[in-house]
Every structure is written in structure tokens, then in C-alpha cells.
Amino acid sequence: MLEQFRVNLDDAVFVKGEDLKATVAGVFEKMGVPPADALLGADVLVLADLRGVDSHGVSNMLKSYITGYQNGQINPRPNWKIIRETPSTANIDSDRGLGIIITPKAMDIAIQKAKNVGVGMVTIGNARHLGMASYHAMMAVEHDMIGVCMTSCPPSVVPTFGAEARLGTNPIAVAAPAKNEPPFVFDAATSSVAGNKVGIARRLGVKMEPGWLADEDGNPIMDEADPPEKYTLLPLGSTRELGSHKGYGLSCMVDILAGVLTGVGYGAVPGRPNFGHYVAAYSIDAFTDPDEFKEMMDEWMGMMKSTKPAPGHDRVMVAGQPEAEIEEIRREDGIPLHEEVAQWIRDTCAELSVPCHF
């Protein structure tokens, strides 16, 4: 995340990851979620915070999940099931289950299929938000596999030349193992900015960069500005001249693979609160020797990082490197929460009669 979206450390409340995880798991259990699922969901949220992906961590997502459980949009005990299956594929009806809990289970299925036949792909329909997409992609890395995760989200992004939201932020995550280097982990929305970051910007009082948002008529806002009351997100690239057709096309690809392919729908139809997900695992052993692959990944990442930096920059990084560095710090020092967020969690725990562990 860009620095302007981070909490001022001088004003932050630092919470150990395990304490935050125990607190969040207790909240999920209070919503009727079984204990094992509650721990799994909490792990997904807290790992996002540990890796610095605050837009998809506890601060930004827990409140909406609680609301979803309370109004019945999210099923705390879904009867999820595989409705179509082959040796390498499966399609799951999530039964309104929360994606941060169902999607890891779907990736477990994909990983087992990849062990059996080299590749495993699973789609999840009738689903809800899956949190940080890279959590699910990274699960494959531990099995010497490349992991992929995509999610077709409710509409918030205008297509190129459009004045109405037709696509979601539709992120794509890819994770690949290395030998000595941290895994390569790419995780990004196909919009110019993730929607959750607008909320963070409002909370922290920072301005939005040019080319992130469009006004209510669909005109790209190409000056630094406060988030307007009415806006839509722009595809990656912002304008046609800057390449928005590429972000638009990638977002469409996600809608097809993670939405239409589930048989349930796509981001705009049936719309919120429905999400569609796609996970895949590729066994490296089915293509090449895993040790040689990981050694070459070390070499490749070393090549990228040894690139001469441009003026004004200290170094070149690869995807997953900033998050790995932040995770190392936050596991030691704790997760910095905005003081208002920390107090909201304490108050929510008190209202729900759930122990707060910080």
C-alpha cells in the first residue's frame, strides 16, 4: 500500500497478530460461525494486516462482515457443496458462505487435484467477499505449486468510455515459490485503486491521486482531490490514452472466469452481496523439477532487484517483497491500528460480550 494509506505510527495502537486473531475469531463465533471456521476467517484477515494489506484486514473488513451476518446476507454455517467435478476441476455452491472461510477450502481441493493430475481449478458461486486474494494463492506455494486466485466483485468500476459501473475491482493474485527468496506474490485490483482504499483515505484525510476515480458522469478525475460524495472507480490505466482498455479487459476476464464460469452470475448480475471466486493450483513437478524452478526463481528475482534504480529511487523490488518485509516487522512490533479502529473493536467486543485480547 502507498504510504498515504498507512496509519501514522505515532498515533497507532500496536496489537500483536495472535491477540487480534483471537479477538476476531471470538467475534465470528458470536455471529454463529463454528470455532474452526472462525479461526480460519480470522487468520485470513490478520495475515492481511501483518503483510501491510490494511485495505483487506480487520480495520476495513470486520465491520461489514458483522453487518452481513446480522442481516442474513452471509450464512454463518453454509451447507456448501461441490455441484460439478472432474479430476482437475470443481464448481462449488458456497451457500452464501463468507469467502475468507470457503475459499481456502476450495484451494485445498485445487491443491489435492493438482497433486493428482498436475493442475487443479475450482470455481465458487453464490459466495461472499474473500478478503486478501493472495492469502488463497499463497496456500499453493507450501506445496511447491503456483497458486492463482481471482474474484468477480459487485460493480464499482466503469468500463472504458462508460459512465456507469459495470465491473468490480476484480483482483488477480498469483503466488510462486522460490528457494531462498520470499515467494513472488502479485495481488492487485484491475481498477486503478482498490475500492477499500477510498474509505481509508476518508478516515486518514488524504487526497486521491489523479486517475483513480471518475465523477458521477463518468469523467475521469485527473487532478489530486478529496474523494467526492458520488464517484465510480476507473479501470487500471484510467483513460484510453493511458491504457484503461487493458485494465478493462483484465477485469472482464476475471468476470468470466470467476463469475460466468460458476453458473451463478457475475459481478453486476445478480450484484451485491454476491461474489464469484476462482482458485487454481499448478504443480511445478508436472512441468519441471521443483528445486530447479525455485533456484531459477531466486535467480530471476535477484536479476529484477539488481536493476539500476531510476533517479530518486533507492531500489527495485518484486511483487511480494514489500509485504514480506512488513510482515517481518509487524510480527515483531505488532499491527498498527488507527486509534478509532482499536476503540471500535473494543466497543464491539463489549457490545457482543466477546473477550478483547488487547
Protein backbone atom coordinates (compact mmCIF):
# COMPACT_ATOMS: atom_id res chain seq x y z
CA MET A 1 0.00 0.00 0.00
CA LEU A 2 1.07 3.57 -0.66
CA GLU A 3 2.39 5.46 2.34
CA GLN A 4 -0.53 7.90 2.40
CA PHE A 5 -2.86 5.00 3.26
CA ARG A 6 -0.84 3.91 6.29
CA VAL A 7 -1.67 4.86 9.87
CA ASN A 8 0.67 7.40 11.46
CA LEU A 9 2.77 5.16 13.72
CA ASP A 10 2.96 7.90 16.38
CA ASP A 11 -0.82 7.74 16.74
CA ALA A 12 -1.26 3.98 16.27
CA VAL A 13 -2.30 1.30 18.74
CA PHE A 14 0.01 -1.70 18.27
CA VAL A 15 -1.61 -5.12 18.62
CA LYS A 16 0.10 -8.50 18.36
CA GLY A 17 -1.18 -10.62 15.50
CA GLU A 18 -2.18 -13.56 17.71
CA ASP A 19 -4.12 -11.26 20.07
CA LEU A 20 -6.00 -9.68 17.17
CA LYS A 21 -6.66 -13.11 15.67
CA ALA A 22 -8.12 -14.44 18.94
CA THR A 23 -10.32 -11.35 19.25
CA VAL A 24 -11.65 -11.58 15.69
CA ALA A 25 -12.25 -15.33 16.00
CA GLY A 26 -14.37 -14.63 19.08
CA VAL A 27 -16.44 -12.09 17.14
CA PHE A 28 -17.00 -14.60 14.33
CA GLU A 29 -18.09 -17.27 16.82
CA LYS A 30 -20.56 -14.80 18.30
CA MET A 31 -22.02 -14.47 14.79
CA GLY A 32 -22.71 -18.22 14.82
CA VAL A 33 -19.60 -19.33 12.92
CA PRO A 34 -18.17 -22.71 14.04
CA PRO A 35 -14.89 -22.35 16.01
CA ALA A 36 -12.58 -23.84 13.35
CA ASP A 37 -14.11 -21.66 10.65
CA ALA A 38 -13.89 -18.62 12.94
CA LEU A 39 -10.16 -19.18 13.40
CA LEU A 40 -9.68 -19.63 9.66
CA GLY A 41 -11.52 -16.43 8.84
CA ALA A 42 -9.59 -14.53 11.49
CA ASP A 43 -6.31 -15.86 10.09
CA VAL A 44 -7.14 -14.51 6.63
CA LEU A 45 -7.93 -11.05 7.97
CA VAL A 46 -4.96 -10.83 10.31
CA LEU A 47 -2.45 -12.05 7.72
CA ALA A 48 -3.60 -9.17 5.51
CA ASP A 49 -2.80 -6.76 8.35
CA LEU A 50 0.53 -8.46 9.08
CA ARG A 51 1.53 -8.11 5.42
CA GLY A 52 0.53 -4.45 5.31
CA VAL A 53 -2.54 -5.02 3.15
CA ASP A 54 -4.62 -2.96 5.58
CA SER A 55 -7.36 -2.39 3.00
CA HIS A 56 -8.34 -6.06 3.38
CA GLY A 57 -7.57 -6.55 7.05
CA VAL A 58 -9.52 -6.28 10.27
CA SER A 59 -9.76 -2.48 10.18
CA ASN A 60 -11.60 -2.34 6.90
CA MET A 61 -13.49 -5.62 6.64
CA LEU A 62 -14.68 -6.86 10.05
CA LYS A 63 -17.49 -4.33 10.39
CA SER A 64 -19.00 -5.23 7.01
CA TYR A 65 -18.76 -8.94 7.80
CA ILE A 66 -20.57 -8.44 11.10
CA THR A 67 -23.28 -6.48 9.29
CA GLY A 68 -23.58 -9.23 6.68
CA TYR A 69 -24.02 -11.90 9.31
CA GLN A 70 -26.54 -9.85 11.26
CA ASN A 71 -28.73 -9.01 8.26
CA GLY A 72 -28.62 -12.54 6.86
CA GLN A 73 -26.60 -11.78 3.72
CA ILE A 74 -23.81 -14.07 4.96
CA ASN A 75 -24.56 -17.60 6.15
CA PRO A 76 -22.51 -18.48 9.27
CA ARG A 77 -22.98 -22.23 8.76
CA PRO A 78 -23.26 -22.72 5.00
CA ASN A 79 -24.08 -26.10 3.52
CA TRP A 80 -21.51 -25.56 0.77
CA LYS A 81 -21.10 -28.39 -1.72
CA ILE A 82 -19.43 -29.42 -4.96
CA ILE A 83 -22.06 -29.39 -7.70
CA ARG A 84 -19.87 -30.39 -10.65
CA GLU A 85 -16.48 -32.10 -10.67
CA THR A 86 -13.78 -33.70 -12.83
CA PRO A 87 -10.30 -34.95 -11.83
CA SER A 88 -8.87 -31.46 -12.36
CA THR A 89 -11.85 -29.16 -11.72
CA ALA A 90 -14.72 -28.49 -9.36
CA ASN A 91 -17.55 -25.99 -9.07
CA ILE A 92 -18.80 -25.12 -5.58
CA ASP A 93 -22.09 -23.65 -4.41
CA SER A 94 -20.96 -21.62 -1.40
CA ASP A 95 -24.50 -21.29 0.06
CA ARG A 96 -23.77 -17.63 0.95
CA GLY A 97 -20.67 -18.60 2.91
CA LEU A 98 -18.08 -15.93 3.67
CA GLY A 99 -15.31 -16.15 1.10
CA ILE A 100 -12.48 -15.82 3.60
CA ILE A 101 -13.67 -19.16 5.02
CA ILE A 102 -14.90 -21.05 1.95
CA THR A 103 -12.17 -20.03 -0.50
CA PRO A 104 -9.29 -21.61 1.48
CA LYS A 105 -11.27 -24.85 1.49
CA ALA A 106 -11.71 -24.56 -2.27
CA MET A 107 -7.97 -24.04 -2.66
CA ASP A 108 -7.35 -27.17 -0.58
CA ILE A 109 -9.43 -29.04 -3.17
CA ALA A 110 -7.49 -27.44 -6.03
CA ILE A 111 -4.18 -28.39 -4.41
CA GLN A 112 -5.24 -32.00 -3.96
CA LYS A 113 -6.33 -32.17 -7.59
CA ALA A 114 -3.00 -30.70 -8.68
CA LYS A 115 -1.21 -33.37 -6.68
CA ASN A 116 -3.23 -36.00 -8.52
CA VAL A 117 -3.26 -34.68 -12.08
CA GLY A 118 -0.91 -31.68 -12.18
CA VAL A 119 -3.45 -28.86 -12.22
CA GLY A 120 -6.49 -28.09 -10.08
CA MET A 121 -9.07 -25.36 -10.72
CA VAL A 122 -12.12 -24.58 -8.60
CA THR A 123 -14.87 -22.00 -9.08
CA ILE A 124 -17.08 -20.83 -6.20
CA GLY A 125 -20.51 -19.33 -6.83
CA ASN A 126 -23.21 -17.91 -4.54
CA ALA A 127 -20.31 -16.59 -2.46
CA ARG A 128 -19.35 -13.62 -0.35
CA HIS A 129 -16.19 -11.47 -0.01
CA LEU A 130 -12.89 -13.39 0.11
CA GLY A 131 -10.59 -10.80 1.68
CA MET A 132 -6.98 -10.62 0.54
CA ALA A 133 -6.84 -12.69 -2.66
CA SER A 134 -3.16 -13.53 -2.21
CA TYR A 135 -3.93 -15.46 1.00
CA HIS A 136 -5.58 -18.15 -1.09
CA ALA A 137 -2.97 -18.06 -3.86
CA MET A 138 -0.13 -18.40 -1.33
CA MET A 139 -1.60 -21.62 0.04
CA ALA A 140 -0.30 -23.43 -3.06
CA VAL A 141 3.28 -22.23 -2.50
CA GLU A 142 3.69 -24.51 0.53
CA HIS A 143 3.10 -27.49 -1.78
CA ASP A 144 5.64 -26.47 -4.45
CA MET A 145 2.83 -25.13 -6.59
CA ILE A 146 1.91 -21.88 -8.25
CA GLY A 147 -1.36 -20.50 -6.90
CA VAL A 148 -3.89 -18.24 -8.60
CA CYS A 149 -6.94 -16.50 -7.17
CA MET A 150 -9.46 -14.17 -8.82
CA THR A 151 -12.77 -12.77 -7.65
CA SER A 152 -15.67 -11.28 -9.59
CA CYS A 153 -16.98 -8.44 -7.42
CA PRO A 154 -20.17 -6.35 -7.40
CA PRO A 155 -19.93 -3.33 -9.73
CA SER A 156 -17.98 -0.24 -8.74
CA VAL A 157 -15.80 0.33 -11.82
CA VAL A 158 -16.77 1.97 -15.11
CA PRO A 159 -15.69 0.33 -18.37
CA THR A 160 -13.56 2.43 -20.71
CA PHE A 161 -15.75 5.24 -22.14
CA GLY A 162 -18.54 4.26 -19.69
CA ALA A 163 -20.49 6.41 -17.22
CA GLU A 164 -21.98 3.54 -15.18
CA ALA A 165 -20.28 0.95 -13.03
CA ARG A 166 -20.43 -2.44 -14.72
CA LEU A 167 -17.40 -4.24 -13.25
CA GLY A 168 -15.99 -4.91 -9.81
CA THR A 169 -12.46 -4.20 -8.66
CA ASN A 170 -11.90 -7.84 -9.75
CA PRO A 171 -8.45 -8.55 -8.29
CA ILE A 172 -5.97 -11.11 -9.58
CA ALA A 173 -3.42 -12.82 -7.31
CA VAL A 174 -0.57 -15.10 -8.36
CA ALA A 175 1.95 -16.69 -5.97
CA ALA A 176 5.05 -18.70 -6.92
CA PRO A 177 7.65 -20.28 -4.62
CA ALA A 178 11.37 -19.57 -4.58
CA LYS A 179 14.24 -21.30 -2.79
CA ASN A 180 15.85 -18.66 -0.56
CA GLU A 181 13.90 -15.58 -1.56
CA PRO A 182 10.38 -14.87 -0.25
CA PRO A 183 7.70 -16.12 -2.67
CA PHE A 184 6.72 -13.99 -5.62
CA VAL A 185 3.24 -12.74 -4.67
CA PHE A 186 1.34 -10.44 -7.02
CA ASP A 187 -2.06 -9.25 -5.79
CA ALA A 188 -3.79 -6.29 -7.38
CA ALA A 189 -7.19 -5.00 -8.36
CA THR A 190 -7.88 -4.47 -12.05
CA SER A 191 -9.16 -0.99 -11.15
CA SER A 192 -6.75 1.92 -10.73
CA VAL A 193 -7.21 1.73 -6.98
CA ALA A 194 -8.87 -0.78 -4.67
CA GLY A 195 -12.28 0.41 -3.51
CA ASN A 196 -11.47 -0.10 0.17
CA LYS A 197 -8.68 2.46 -0.08
CA VAL A 198 -11.21 5.23 -0.69
CA GLY A 199 -12.59 4.51 2.78
CA ILE A 200 -9.10 4.55 4.25
CA ALA A 201 -8.43 7.87 2.51
CA ARG A 202 -11.55 9.37 4.08
CA ARG A 203 -10.53 8.07 7.52
CA LEU A 204 -7.00 9.43 7.27
CA GLY A 205 -7.95 12.65 5.48
CA VAL A 206 -5.70 12.09 2.46
CA LYS A 207 -6.41 13.02 -1.14
CA MET A 208 -6.93 10.63 -4.04
CA GLU A 209 -4.38 10.56 -6.84
CA PRO A 210 -5.24 11.67 -10.39
CA GLY A 211 -6.81 8.94 -12.49
CA TRP A 212 -8.20 6.84 -9.65
CA LEU A 213 -11.84 7.97 -9.70
CA ALA A 214 -14.48 9.20 -12.11
CA ASP A 215 -17.18 11.71 -11.21
CA GLU A 216 -20.85 10.80 -11.29
CA ASP A 217 -20.98 11.45 -15.06
CA GLY A 218 -18.07 9.10 -15.75
CA ASN A 219 -15.46 11.81 -16.34
CA PRO A 220 -12.01 10.73 -15.06
CA ILE A 221 -10.82 13.00 -12.26
CA MET A 222 -7.28 13.80 -13.37
CA ASP A 223 -6.31 16.10 -10.52
CA GLU A 224 -5.44 15.27 -6.93
CA ALA A 225 -8.66 15.65 -4.93
CA ASP A 226 -10.66 14.59 -1.93
CA PRO A 227 -12.98 11.65 -2.67
CA PRO A 228 -16.28 13.16 -3.90
CA GLU A 229 -19.57 12.02 -2.42
CA LYS A 230 -20.59 10.36 -5.69
CA TYR A 231 -17.95 8.61 -7.76
CA THR A 232 -17.03 5.42 -9.54
CA LEU A 233 -13.65 3.73 -9.83
CA LEU A 234 -11.68 3.76 -13.06
CA PRO A 235 -10.13 0.70 -14.71
CA LEU A 236 -6.37 0.23 -14.38
CA GLY A 237 -4.91 2.80 -16.78
CA SER A 238 -7.54 5.47 -16.01
CA THR A 239 -8.12 6.68 -19.59
CA ARG A 240 -7.99 5.06 -23.03
CA GLU A 241 -4.89 7.08 -23.87
CA LEU A 242 -3.13 5.75 -20.76
CA GLY A 243 -4.25 2.16 -21.31
CA SER A 244 -7.56 1.77 -19.45
CA HIS A 245 -8.68 -0.74 -22.10
CA LYS A 246 -6.09 -3.12 -20.61
CA GLY A 247 -7.48 -2.86 -17.09
CA TYR A 248 -10.98 -3.08 -18.52
CA GLY A 249 -10.10 -6.24 -20.45
CA LEU A 250 -8.42 -7.88 -17.46
CA SER A 251 -11.46 -7.11 -15.31
CA CYS A 252 -13.72 -8.68 -17.94
CA MET A 253 -11.50 -11.79 -17.92
CA VAL A 254 -11.99 -12.07 -14.14
CA ASP A 255 -15.77 -11.64 -14.50
CA ILE A 256 -15.81 -14.55 -16.96
CA LEU A 257 -13.52 -16.97 -15.08
CA ALA A 258 -14.69 -16.19 -11.54
CA GLY A 259 -18.27 -15.21 -12.37
CA VAL A 260 -19.85 -16.52 -15.54
CA LEU A 261 -17.98 -19.84 -15.24
CA THR A 262 -19.57 -20.53 -11.84
CA GLY A 263 -23.00 -20.67 -13.49
CA VAL A 264 -24.40 -18.33 -10.82
CA GLY A 265 -23.73 -14.96 -12.41
CA TYR A 266 -21.08 -12.26 -12.45
CA GLY A 267 -20.29 -9.07 -10.59
CA ALA A 268 -23.15 -6.93 -11.87
CA VAL A 269 -25.71 -9.74 -12.05
CA PRO A 270 -27.04 -10.61 -9.54
CA GLY A 271 -24.92 -7.89 -7.92
CA ARG A 272 -24.26 -7.22 -4.25
CA PRO A 273 -23.89 -9.14 -1.99
CA ASN A 274 -22.95 -11.93 -4.43
CA PHE A 275 -19.33 -12.63 -5.33
CA GLY A 276 -17.83 -15.31 -7.56
CA HIS A 277 -14.37 -16.76 -6.99
CA TYR A 278 -11.77 -18.77 -8.89
CA VAL A 279 -8.73 -20.55 -7.47
CA ALA A 280 -6.16 -22.69 -9.23
CA ALA A 281 -3.05 -24.64 -8.28
CA TYR A 282 -0.35 -25.65 -10.75
CA SER A 283 2.02 -28.40 -9.58
CA ILE A 284 5.51 -27.36 -10.61
CA ASP A 285 6.51 -31.03 -10.71
CA ALA A 286 4.07 -31.53 -13.60
CA PHE A 287 6.14 -29.10 -15.68
CA THR A 288 9.70 -29.10 -14.39
CA ASP A 289 11.87 -30.06 -11.41
CA PRO A 290 10.64 -28.06 -8.37
CA ASP A 291 14.13 -27.46 -6.93
CA GLU A 292 15.42 -26.20 -10.26
CA PHE A 293 12.33 -24.00 -10.63
CA LYS A 294 12.86 -22.44 -7.21
CA GLU A 295 16.56 -21.88 -7.85
CA MET A 296 15.70 -20.16 -11.12
CA MET A 297 13.08 -18.06 -9.31
CA ASP A 298 15.80 -16.90 -6.92
CA GLU A 299 17.97 -16.02 -9.91
CA TRP A 300 15.11 -14.24 -11.69
CA MET A 301 14.11 -12.19 -8.64
CA GLY A 302 17.74 -11.35 -7.98
CA MET A 303 18.00 -10.07 -11.54
CA MET A 304 14.96 -7.85 -11.07
CA LYS A 305 16.14 -6.50 -7.72
CA SER A 306 19.64 -5.76 -9.05
CA THR A 307 18.21 -3.42 -11.69
CA LYS A 308 19.80 0.03 -11.56
CA PRO A 309 17.23 2.29 -9.83
CA ALA A 310 15.90 5.38 -11.54
CA PRO A 311 16.79 8.81 -10.10
CA GLY A 312 15.02 9.45 -6.82
CA HIS A 313 14.55 5.77 -6.01
CA ASP A 314 16.65 3.55 -3.77
CA ARG A 315 15.91 0.13 -5.24
CA VAL A 316 13.79 -2.04 -7.50
CA MET A 317 11.53 -4.56 -5.77
CA VAL A 318 9.49 -7.57 -6.87
CA ALA A 319 5.90 -8.42 -6.03
CA GLY A 320 5.61 -9.86 -2.53
CA GLN A 321 8.87 -8.32 -1.29
CA PRO A 322 7.35 -5.23 0.41
CA GLU A 323 4.70 -7.38 2.10
CA ALA A 324 7.28 -9.90 3.32
CA GLU A 325 9.39 -7.09 4.78
CA ILE A 326 6.41 -5.51 6.52
CA GLU A 327 5.26 -8.88 7.85
CA GLU A 328 8.64 -9.44 9.49
CA ILE A 329 8.37 -6.08 11.26
CA ARG A 330 4.74 -6.42 12.30
CA ARG A 331 5.15 -9.92 13.68
CA GLU A 332 7.77 -8.43 15.99
CA ASP A 333 6.33 -4.99 16.75
CA GLY A 334 2.62 -5.63 16.32
CA ILE A 335 -0.01 -4.43 13.87
CA PRO A 336 -0.58 -0.65 13.94
CA LEU A 337 -4.29 0.12 14.22
CA HIS A 338 -5.81 3.56 13.93
CA GLU A 339 -6.89 4.52 17.46
CA GLU A 340 -10.50 4.90 16.30
CA VAL A 341 -10.41 1.38 14.84
CA ALA A 342 -8.90 -0.07 18.01
CA GLN A 343 -11.59 1.58 20.10
CA TRP A 344 -14.31 0.38 17.73
CA ILE A 345 -13.08 -3.20 18.13
CA ARG A 346 -13.07 -2.85 21.94
CA ASP A 347 -16.57 -1.35 21.91
CA THR A 348 -17.87 -4.03 19.54
CA CYS A 349 -16.45 -6.78 21.74
CA ALA A 350 -18.11 -5.20 24.77
CA GLU A 351 -21.47 -4.99 22.97
CA LEU A 352 -21.22 -8.62 21.87
CA SER A 353 -19.84 -9.86 25.22
CA VAL A 354 -16.75 -11.16 23.43
CA PRO A 355 -13.28 -11.04 25.05
CA CYS A 356 -10.97 -8.41 23.55
CA HIS A 357 -7.39 -9.64 23.82
CA PHE A 358 -5.70 -6.26 23.61
